Amino acid sequence: MNATTSESVPYPATRLLVDALRAQTPPDLEYLITDGFESIVLYDNKALAATVTPTADPKFKVTLTVQARKVKADGNGNESPMPLNDYIDVGVFNGKKDEGKPLFLEKEKFTEGQRTFEITVDQMPTRAGIDPYNKLVDRIADDNVIDVTTP
């Protein structure tokens, strides 16, 4: 490669990656590009309660209450609340902590901080929560999933 060729070809940069990702992203998901590449966004997701009740057809109804919070931080650590309009995983699992088999795992749209879900699964669950695989930047990730109890 000679000096003339290298000067005429642009060097790759993160802006090119972000532009390419944004060009392929549907408008309702563009927040993922902004939050992930252009801002410091932190989440405070937490499972508040998870109970299970057997149903008549041998299944199990899980009532799961979770909380989601989103903030934007500046370079000095100051945080400002952000409105929620995000898709976040909600899951119900069977098995030990960190080894559980997913019985239910879906992205749910959050527009408010606290939500309660009623989820029916085929097996007795042991754990349930929000963002169970910690895909989002959350300072306290250990409170995202809790044990399921009987009422």
N, C-alpha and C. Protein backbone atom coordinates (compact mmCIF):
# COMPACT_ATOMS: atom_id res chain seq x y z
N MET A 1 0.85 -1.16 0.00
CA MET A 1 0.00 0.00 0.00
C MET A 1 0.90 1.23 0.00
N ASN A 2 0.68 2.15 -0.90
CA ASN A 2 1.50 3.35 -0.93
C ASN A 2 0.79 4.49 -0.23
N ALA A 3 1.52 5.55 0.00
CA ALA A 3 0.98 6.70 0.74
C ALA A 3 -0.22 7.32 0.03
N THR A 4 -0.19 7.34 -1.29
CA THR A 4 -1.29 7.95 -2.03
C THR A 4 -2.58 7.17 -1.82
N THR A 5 -2.52 5.84 -1.87
CA THR A 5 -3.71 5.01 -1.71
C THR A 5 -4.27 5.15 -0.29
N SER A 6 -3.39 5.09 0.71
CA SER A 6 -3.88 5.13 2.09
C SER A 6 -4.48 6.48 2.44
N GLU A 7 -4.04 7.56 1.79
CA GLU A 7 -4.60 8.87 2.09
C GLU A 7 -5.97 9.06 1.45
N SER A 8 -6.24 8.35 0.36
CA SER A 8 -7.50 8.56 -0.32
C SER A 8 -8.62 7.66 0.20
N VAL A 9 -8.28 6.64 0.95
CA VAL A 9 -9.27 5.72 1.50
C VAL A 9 -9.56 6.12 2.94
N PRO A 10 -10.84 6.32 3.30
CA PRO A 10 -11.12 6.70 4.70
C PRO A 10 -10.82 5.54 5.65
N TYR A 11 -10.32 5.89 6.81
CA TYR A 11 -10.07 4.89 7.82
C TYR A 11 -11.37 4.54 8.53
N PRO A 12 -11.53 3.28 8.93
CA PRO A 12 -12.77 2.92 9.64
C PRO A 12 -12.84 3.66 10.97
N ALA A 13 -14.04 4.02 11.33
CA ALA A 13 -14.27 4.72 12.59
C ALA A 13 -15.60 4.25 13.17
N THR A 14 -15.76 4.45 14.46
CA THR A 14 -17.00 4.02 15.11
C THR A 14 -18.21 4.74 14.54
N ARG A 15 -18.03 5.97 14.08
CA ARG A 15 -19.17 6.70 13.50
C ARG A 15 -19.72 5.99 12.27
N LEU A 16 -18.82 5.39 11.48
CA LEU A 16 -19.27 4.64 10.31
C LEU A 16 -20.08 3.41 10.73
N LEU A 17 -19.64 2.73 11.79
CA LEU A 17 -20.38 1.59 12.31
C LEU A 17 -21.75 2.02 12.80
N VAL A 18 -21.80 3.09 13.58
CA VAL A 18 -23.08 3.58 14.11
C VAL A 18 -24.01 3.98 12.98
N ASP A 19 -23.47 4.67 11.97
CA ASP A 19 -24.30 5.07 10.81
C ASP A 19 -24.84 3.84 10.08
N ALA A 20 -24.01 2.82 9.91
CA ALA A 20 -24.44 1.60 9.22
C ALA A 20 -25.51 0.86 10.03
N LEU A 21 -25.34 0.79 11.34
CA LEU A 21 -26.35 0.16 12.20
C LEU A 21 -27.66 0.93 12.17
N ARG A 22 -27.56 2.25 12.27
CA ARG A 22 -28.76 3.07 12.26
C ARG A 22 -29.53 2.94 10.94
N ALA A 23 -28.80 2.81 9.84
CA ALA A 23 -29.45 2.69 8.52
C ALA A 23 -30.26 1.40 8.41
N GLN A 24 -29.92 0.37 9.18
CA GLN A 24 -30.61 -0.91 9.11
C GLN A 24 -31.60 -1.12 10.26
N THR A 25 -31.72 -0.15 11.13
CA THR A 25 -32.55 -0.28 12.33
C THR A 25 -33.92 0.35 12.12
N PRO A 26 -34.98 -0.38 12.43
CA PRO A 26 -36.32 0.22 12.32
C PRO A 26 -36.44 1.42 13.26
N PRO A 27 -37.24 2.41 12.90
CA PRO A 27 -37.35 3.62 13.72
C PRO A 27 -37.70 3.37 15.19
N ASP A 28 -38.56 2.38 15.48
CA ASP A 28 -38.95 2.14 16.87
C ASP A 28 -37.84 1.52 17.71
N LEU A 29 -36.75 1.09 17.07
CA LEU A 29 -35.63 0.51 17.82
C LEU A 29 -34.37 1.37 17.76
N GLU A 30 -34.46 2.54 17.15
CA GLU A 30 -33.28 3.41 17.04
C GLU A 30 -32.75 3.84 18.40
N TYR A 31 -33.59 3.84 19.42
CA TYR A 31 -33.12 4.20 20.75
C TYR A 31 -31.98 3.28 21.19
N LEU A 32 -31.97 2.04 20.71
CA LEU A 32 -30.89 1.10 21.06
C LEU A 32 -29.53 1.61 20.58
N ILE A 33 -29.50 2.20 19.40
CA ILE A 33 -28.26 2.75 18.86
C ILE A 33 -27.83 3.95 19.69
N THR A 34 -28.75 4.86 19.94
CA THR A 34 -28.43 6.06 20.73
C THR A 34 -27.97 5.68 22.13
N ASP A 35 -28.74 4.81 22.80
CA ASP A 35 -28.40 4.42 24.18
C ASP A 35 -27.10 3.63 24.26
N GLY A 36 -26.85 2.78 23.27
CA GLY A 36 -25.68 1.90 23.34
C GLY A 36 -24.38 2.51 22.86
N PHE A 37 -24.46 3.49 21.96
CA PHE A 37 -23.24 4.01 21.34
C PHE A 37 -23.02 5.50 21.54
N GLU A 38 -24.06 6.25 21.85
CA GLU A 38 -23.91 7.70 21.88
C GLU A 38 -24.14 8.32 23.26
N SER A 39 -24.62 7.53 24.21
CA SER A 39 -24.93 8.04 25.55
C SER A 39 -24.46 7.04 26.60
N ILE A 40 -24.39 7.52 27.83
CA ILE A 40 -24.13 6.63 28.96
C ILE A 40 -25.49 6.37 29.60
N VAL A 41 -26.04 5.19 29.34
CA VAL A 41 -27.37 4.84 29.84
C VAL A 41 -27.24 3.68 30.82
N LEU A 42 -27.85 3.84 31.97
CA LEU A 42 -27.82 2.82 33.02
C LEU A 42 -29.24 2.44 33.38
N TYR A 43 -29.42 1.19 33.76
CA TYR A 43 -30.73 0.69 34.16
C TYR A 43 -30.70 0.27 35.62
N ASP A 44 -31.84 0.35 36.24
CA ASP A 44 -32.03 -0.18 37.59
C ASP A 44 -33.25 -1.09 37.49
N ASN A 45 -33.02 -2.32 37.08
CA ASN A 45 -34.08 -3.31 36.94
C ASN A 45 -34.09 -4.20 38.17
N LYS A 46 -35.28 -4.58 38.58
CA LYS A 46 -35.37 -5.37 39.82
C LYS A 46 -36.64 -6.22 39.81
N ALA A 47 -36.50 -7.47 40.21
CA ALA A 47 -37.67 -8.34 40.43
C ALA A 47 -38.14 -8.08 41.86
N LEU A 48 -39.42 -7.74 42.00
CA LEU A 48 -39.96 -7.40 43.31
C LEU A 48 -40.67 -8.58 43.98
N ALA A 49 -41.40 -9.38 43.19
CA ALA A 49 -42.14 -10.51 43.74
C ALA A 49 -42.41 -11.52 42.64
N ALA A 50 -42.39 -12.80 43.00
CA ALA A 50 -42.70 -13.87 42.05
C ALA A 50 -43.35 -15.01 42.83
N THR A 51 -44.62 -15.29 42.48
CA THR A 51 -45.34 -16.38 43.13
C THR A 51 -45.87 -17.32 42.06
N VAL A 52 -46.11 -18.56 42.46
CA VAL A 52 -46.63 -19.56 41.53
C VAL A 52 -47.85 -20.24 42.13
N THR A 53 -48.83 -20.53 41.26
CA THR A 53 -50.03 -21.26 41.64
C THR A 53 -50.30 -22.32 40.59
N PRO A 54 -50.52 -23.57 41.00
CA PRO A 54 -50.88 -24.60 40.02
C PRO A 54 -52.24 -24.29 39.39
N THR A 55 -52.41 -24.66 38.13
CA THR A 55 -53.70 -24.48 37.45
C THR A 55 -54.38 -25.83 37.30
N ALA A 56 -55.63 -25.84 36.83
CA ALA A 56 -56.39 -27.07 36.69
C ALA A 56 -55.77 -28.02 35.67
N ASP A 57 -55.32 -27.49 34.54
CA ASP A 57 -54.63 -28.32 33.55
C ASP A 57 -53.16 -28.29 33.96
N PRO A 58 -52.54 -29.36 34.24
CA PRO A 58 -51.28 -29.31 35.01
C PRO A 58 -50.24 -28.33 34.45
N LYS A 59 -50.51 -27.07 34.70
CA LYS A 59 -49.58 -26.00 34.36
C LYS A 59 -49.41 -25.15 35.60
N PHE A 60 -48.60 -24.09 35.48
CA PHE A 60 -48.30 -23.25 36.63
C PHE A 60 -48.40 -21.78 36.23
N LYS A 61 -49.18 -21.03 37.01
CA LYS A 61 -49.34 -19.60 36.75
C LYS A 61 -48.38 -18.83 37.66
N VAL A 62 -47.48 -18.08 37.02
CA VAL A 62 -46.52 -17.26 37.75
C VAL A 62 -47.00 -15.81 37.71
N THR A 63 -47.07 -15.19 38.87
CA THR A 63 -47.36 -13.75 38.96
C THR A 63 -46.05 -13.08 39.32
N LEU A 64 -45.56 -12.28 38.40
CA LEU A 64 -44.24 -11.66 38.52
C LEU A 64 -44.38 -10.14 38.50
N THR A 65 -43.87 -9.48 39.53
CA THR A 65 -43.87 -8.03 39.58
C THR A 65 -42.42 -7.56 39.49
N VAL A 66 -42.17 -6.68 38.53
CA VAL A 66 -40.82 -6.17 38.30
C VAL A 66 -40.85 -4.65 38.22
N GLN A 67 -39.67 -4.08 38.36
CA GLN A 67 -39.52 -2.64 38.27
C GLN A 67 -38.38 -2.35 37.30
N ALA A 68 -38.55 -1.33 36.48
CA ALA A 68 -37.51 -0.89 35.55
C ALA A 68 -37.33 0.61 35.69
N ARG A 69 -36.09 1.02 35.64
CA ARG A 69 -35.75 2.44 35.72
C ARG A 69 -34.57 2.67 34.80
N LYS A 70 -34.55 3.82 34.16
CA LYS A 70 -33.50 4.13 33.18
C LYS A 70 -32.99 5.55 33.46
N VAL A 71 -31.66 5.70 33.49
CA VAL A 71 -31.07 7.02 33.70
C VAL A 71 -29.96 7.25 32.69
N LYS A 72 -29.72 8.51 32.43
CA LYS A 72 -28.62 8.92 31.56
C LYS A 72 -27.58 9.60 32.45
N ALA A 73 -26.33 9.18 32.30
CA ALA A 73 -25.25 9.75 33.10
C ALA A 73 -24.36 10.62 32.22
N ASP A 74 -23.82 11.67 32.82
CA ASP A 74 -22.85 12.47 32.08
C ASP A 74 -21.45 11.99 32.47
N GLY A 75 -20.45 12.58 31.91
CA GLY A 75 -19.08 12.17 32.18
C GLY A 75 -18.63 12.39 33.62
N ASN A 76 -19.39 13.17 34.40
CA ASN A 76 -19.04 13.45 35.79
C ASN A 76 -19.81 12.59 36.78
N GLY A 77 -20.64 11.69 36.28
CA GLY A 77 -21.41 10.81 37.15
C GLY A 77 -22.76 11.34 37.56
N ASN A 78 -23.14 12.50 37.06
CA ASN A 78 -24.47 13.03 37.35
C ASN A 78 -25.48 12.25 36.52
N GLU A 79 -26.59 11.89 37.15
CA GLU A 79 -27.61 11.08 36.47
C GLU A 79 -28.92 11.83 36.36
N SER A 80 -29.58 11.63 35.22
CA SER A 80 -30.90 12.22 34.98
C SER A 80 -31.85 11.10 34.58
N PRO A 81 -33.06 11.06 35.16
CA PRO A 81 -34.02 10.03 34.76
C PRO A 81 -34.36 10.17 33.28
N MET A 82 -34.58 9.03 32.64
CA MET A 82 -35.00 8.99 31.24
C MET A 82 -36.35 8.31 31.16
N PRO A 83 -37.18 8.70 30.19
CA PRO A 83 -38.45 7.99 30.03
C PRO A 83 -38.20 6.57 29.53
N LEU A 84 -39.00 5.65 30.02
CA LEU A 84 -38.93 4.27 29.56
C LEU A 84 -39.81 4.10 28.33
N ASN A 85 -39.24 3.49 27.32
CA ASN A 85 -39.97 3.09 26.13
C ASN A 85 -39.13 1.98 25.50
N ASP A 86 -38.79 1.00 26.33
CA ASP A 86 -37.77 0.00 26.00
C ASP A 86 -38.34 -1.41 26.02
N TYR A 87 -37.74 -2.25 25.18
CA TYR A 87 -38.03 -3.68 25.19
C TYR A 87 -37.02 -4.35 26.11
N ILE A 88 -37.51 -5.04 27.14
CA ILE A 88 -36.64 -5.68 28.13
C ILE A 88 -37.11 -7.12 28.30
N ASP A 89 -36.14 -8.04 28.41
CA ASP A 89 -36.46 -9.45 28.60
C ASP A 89 -37.12 -9.69 29.95
N VAL A 90 -38.13 -10.54 29.95
CA VAL A 90 -38.77 -11.03 31.16
C VAL A 90 -38.72 -12.55 31.07
N GLY A 91 -38.30 -13.21 32.16
CA GLY A 91 -38.14 -14.65 32.09
C GLY A 91 -38.59 -15.39 33.33
N VAL A 92 -38.96 -16.66 33.09
CA VAL A 92 -39.30 -17.60 34.17
C VAL A 92 -38.44 -18.84 33.92
N PHE A 93 -37.84 -19.37 34.99
CA PHE A 93 -36.86 -20.45 34.85
C PHE A 93 -37.15 -21.60 35.79
N ASN A 94 -36.60 -22.76 35.44
CA ASN A 94 -36.67 -23.96 36.25
C ASN A 94 -35.24 -24.41 36.46
N GLY A 95 -34.84 -24.57 37.69
CA GLY A 95 -33.48 -25.03 37.98
C GLY A 95 -32.77 -24.10 38.95
N LYS A 96 -31.51 -24.41 39.19
CA LYS A 96 -30.70 -23.64 40.13
C LYS A 96 -30.32 -22.28 39.56
N LYS A 97 -29.94 -21.40 40.47
CA LYS A 97 -29.49 -20.07 40.07
C LYS A 97 -28.34 -20.20 39.08
N ASP A 98 -28.36 -19.39 38.04
CA ASP A 98 -27.34 -19.35 36.99
C ASP A 98 -27.28 -20.61 36.12
N GLU A 99 -28.13 -21.60 36.40
CA GLU A 99 -28.17 -22.82 35.58
C GLU A 99 -29.59 -23.13 35.13
N GLY A 100 -30.50 -22.23 35.40
CA GLY A 100 -31.91 -22.49 35.12
C GLY A 100 -32.24 -22.59 33.65
N LYS A 101 -33.17 -23.47 33.35
CA LYS A 101 -33.67 -23.65 31.99
C LYS A 101 -34.83 -22.68 31.79
N PRO A 102 -34.82 -21.88 30.71
CA PRO A 102 -35.93 -20.95 30.52
C PRO A 102 -37.24 -21.68 30.18
N LEU A 103 -38.27 -21.38 30.94
CA LEU A 103 -39.61 -21.88 30.66
C LEU A 103 -40.39 -20.83 29.87
N PHE A 104 -39.98 -19.59 30.04
CA PHE A 104 -40.59 -18.45 29.35
C PHE A 104 -39.52 -17.37 29.27
N LEU A 105 -39.34 -16.79 28.10
CA LEU A 105 -38.40 -15.69 27.93
C LEU A 105 -38.85 -14.86 26.73
N GLU A 106 -39.31 -13.65 27.02
CA GLU A 106 -39.79 -12.77 25.95
C GLU A 106 -39.43 -11.33 26.26
N LYS A 107 -39.27 -10.55 25.20
CA LYS A 107 -39.08 -9.12 25.34
C LYS A 107 -40.44 -8.48 25.54
N GLU A 108 -40.53 -7.65 26.54
CA GLU A 108 -41.76 -6.91 26.82
C GLU A 108 -41.45 -5.43 26.75
N LYS A 109 -42.39 -4.65 26.24
CA LYS A 109 -42.19 -3.21 26.15
C LYS A 109 -42.57 -2.56 27.47
N PHE A 110 -41.63 -1.81 28.01
CA PHE A 110 -41.83 -1.10 29.27
C PHE A 110 -41.97 0.39 28.98
N THR A 111 -43.07 0.96 29.44
CA THR A 111 -43.27 2.40 29.33
C THR A 111 -43.52 3.00 30.71
N GLU A 112 -43.62 2.15 31.71
CA GLU A 112 -43.79 2.59 33.09
C GLU A 112 -42.85 1.80 33.97
N GLY A 113 -42.58 2.30 35.15
CA GLY A 113 -41.56 1.71 36.00
C GLY A 113 -41.88 0.35 36.59
N GLN A 114 -43.13 0.12 37.00
CA GLN A 114 -43.47 -1.15 37.63
C GLN A 114 -44.57 -1.84 36.85
N ARG A 115 -44.37 -3.15 36.64
CA ARG A 115 -45.38 -3.95 35.92
C ARG A 115 -45.53 -5.30 36.58
N THR A 116 -46.74 -5.85 36.45
CA THR A 116 -47.01 -7.20 36.93
C THR A 116 -47.45 -8.05 35.75
N PHE A 117 -46.85 -9.22 35.64
CA PHE A 117 -47.15 -10.16 34.56
C PHE A 117 -47.75 -11.43 35.14
N GLU A 118 -48.68 -12.03 34.41
CA GLU A 118 -49.17 -13.37 34.73
C GLU A 118 -48.73 -14.26 33.58
N ILE A 119 -47.88 -15.22 33.89
CA ILE A 119 -47.27 -16.07 32.88
C ILE A 119 -47.57 -17.52 33.22
N THR A 120 -48.08 -18.27 32.25
CA THR A 120 -48.36 -19.69 32.47
C THR A 120 -47.26 -20.52 31.82
N VAL A 121 -46.70 -21.45 32.60
CA VAL A 121 -45.62 -22.31 32.11
C VAL A 121 -46.00 -23.78 32.35
N ASP A 122 -45.30 -24.67 31.66
CA ASP A 122 -45.61 -26.11 31.72
C ASP A 122 -44.96 -26.86 32.88
N GLN A 123 -43.94 -26.26 33.49
CA GLN A 123 -43.22 -26.93 34.58
C GLN A 123 -43.19 -26.02 35.80
N MET A 124 -42.94 -26.62 36.95
CA MET A 124 -42.83 -25.84 38.18
C MET A 124 -41.61 -24.93 38.08
N PRO A 125 -41.79 -23.61 38.17
CA PRO A 125 -40.66 -22.69 38.07
C PRO A 125 -39.94 -22.51 39.41
N THR A 126 -38.70 -22.10 39.33
CA THR A 126 -37.92 -21.85 40.54
C THR A 126 -37.49 -20.39 40.66
N ARG A 127 -37.30 -19.71 39.50
CA ARG A 127 -36.83 -18.32 39.51
C ARG A 127 -37.52 -17.53 38.40
N ALA A 128 -37.60 -16.22 38.58
CA ALA A 128 -38.21 -15.36 37.56
C ALA A 128 -37.66 -13.95 37.72
N GLY A 129 -37.71 -13.18 36.61
CA GLY A 129 -37.25 -11.81 36.73
C GLY A 129 -37.19 -11.05 35.43
N ILE A 130 -36.56 -9.89 35.50
CA ILE A 130 -36.41 -8.95 34.41
C ILE A 130 -34.94 -8.88 33.99
N ASP A 131 -34.70 -8.81 32.69
CA ASP A 131 -33.34 -8.80 32.14
C ASP A 131 -32.48 -9.88 32.81
N PRO A 132 -32.94 -11.13 32.77
CA PRO A 132 -32.27 -12.20 33.52
C PRO A 132 -30.85 -12.50 33.06
N TYR A 133 -30.52 -12.20 31.82
CA TYR A 133 -29.16 -12.46 31.31
C TYR A 133 -28.29 -11.21 31.35
N ASN A 134 -28.77 -10.17 32.04
CA ASN A 134 -28.01 -8.94 32.24
C ASN A 134 -27.46 -8.36 30.94
N LYS A 135 -28.32 -8.21 29.95
CA LYS A 135 -27.93 -7.60 28.69
C LYS A 135 -27.81 -6.08 28.80
N LEU A 136 -28.51 -5.50 29.76
CA LEU A 136 -28.49 -4.06 29.95
C LEU A 136 -27.52 -3.69 31.06
N VAL A 137 -26.94 -2.50 31.00
CA VAL A 137 -25.98 -2.06 32.02
C VAL A 137 -26.77 -1.70 33.27
N ASP A 138 -26.60 -2.52 34.29
CA ASP A 138 -27.35 -2.40 35.54
C ASP A 138 -26.34 -2.56 36.68
N ARG A 139 -26.22 -1.55 37.53
CA ARG A 139 -25.21 -1.60 38.60
C ARG A 139 -25.46 -2.74 39.59
N ILE A 140 -26.72 -3.06 39.84
CA ILE A 140 -27.03 -4.14 40.79
C ILE A 140 -27.75 -5.23 40.01
N ALA A 141 -27.02 -6.04 39.31
CA ALA A 141 -27.61 -7.07 38.45
C ALA A 141 -28.15 -8.26 39.25
N ASP A 142 -27.71 -8.44 40.48
CA ASP A 142 -28.12 -9.60 41.27
C ASP A 142 -29.59 -9.56 41.71
N ASP A 143 -30.23 -8.40 41.62
CA ASP A 143 -31.63 -8.34 42.05
C ASP A 143 -32.62 -8.43 40.88
N ASN A 144 -32.12 -8.76 39.71
CA ASN A 144 -33.00 -8.87 38.53
C ASN A 144 -33.85 -10.14 38.56
N VAL A 145 -33.35 -11.20 39.18
CA VAL A 145 -34.06 -12.48 39.22
C VAL A 145 -34.16 -12.92 40.69
N ILE A 146 -35.36 -13.42 41.03
CA ILE A 146 -35.58 -13.88 42.41
C ILE A 146 -36.22 -15.27 42.38
N ASP A 147 -36.21 -15.90 43.56
CA ASP A 147 -36.86 -17.20 43.71
C ASP A 147 -38.37 -17.04 43.62
N VAL A 148 -39.02 -18.02 43.01
CA VAL A 148 -40.47 -18.07 42.93
C VAL A 148 -40.98 -18.75 44.21
N THR A 149 -41.98 -18.16 44.82
CA THR A 149 -42.54 -18.73 46.05
C THR A 149 -44.01 -19.09 45.84
N THR A 150 -44.54 -19.88 46.75
CA THR A 150 -45.97 -20.18 46.71
C THR A 150 -46.68 -19.23 47.65
N PRO A 151 -47.86 -18.74 47.27
CA PRO A 151 -48.55 -17.75 48.13
C PRO A 151 -49.08 -18.39 49.41
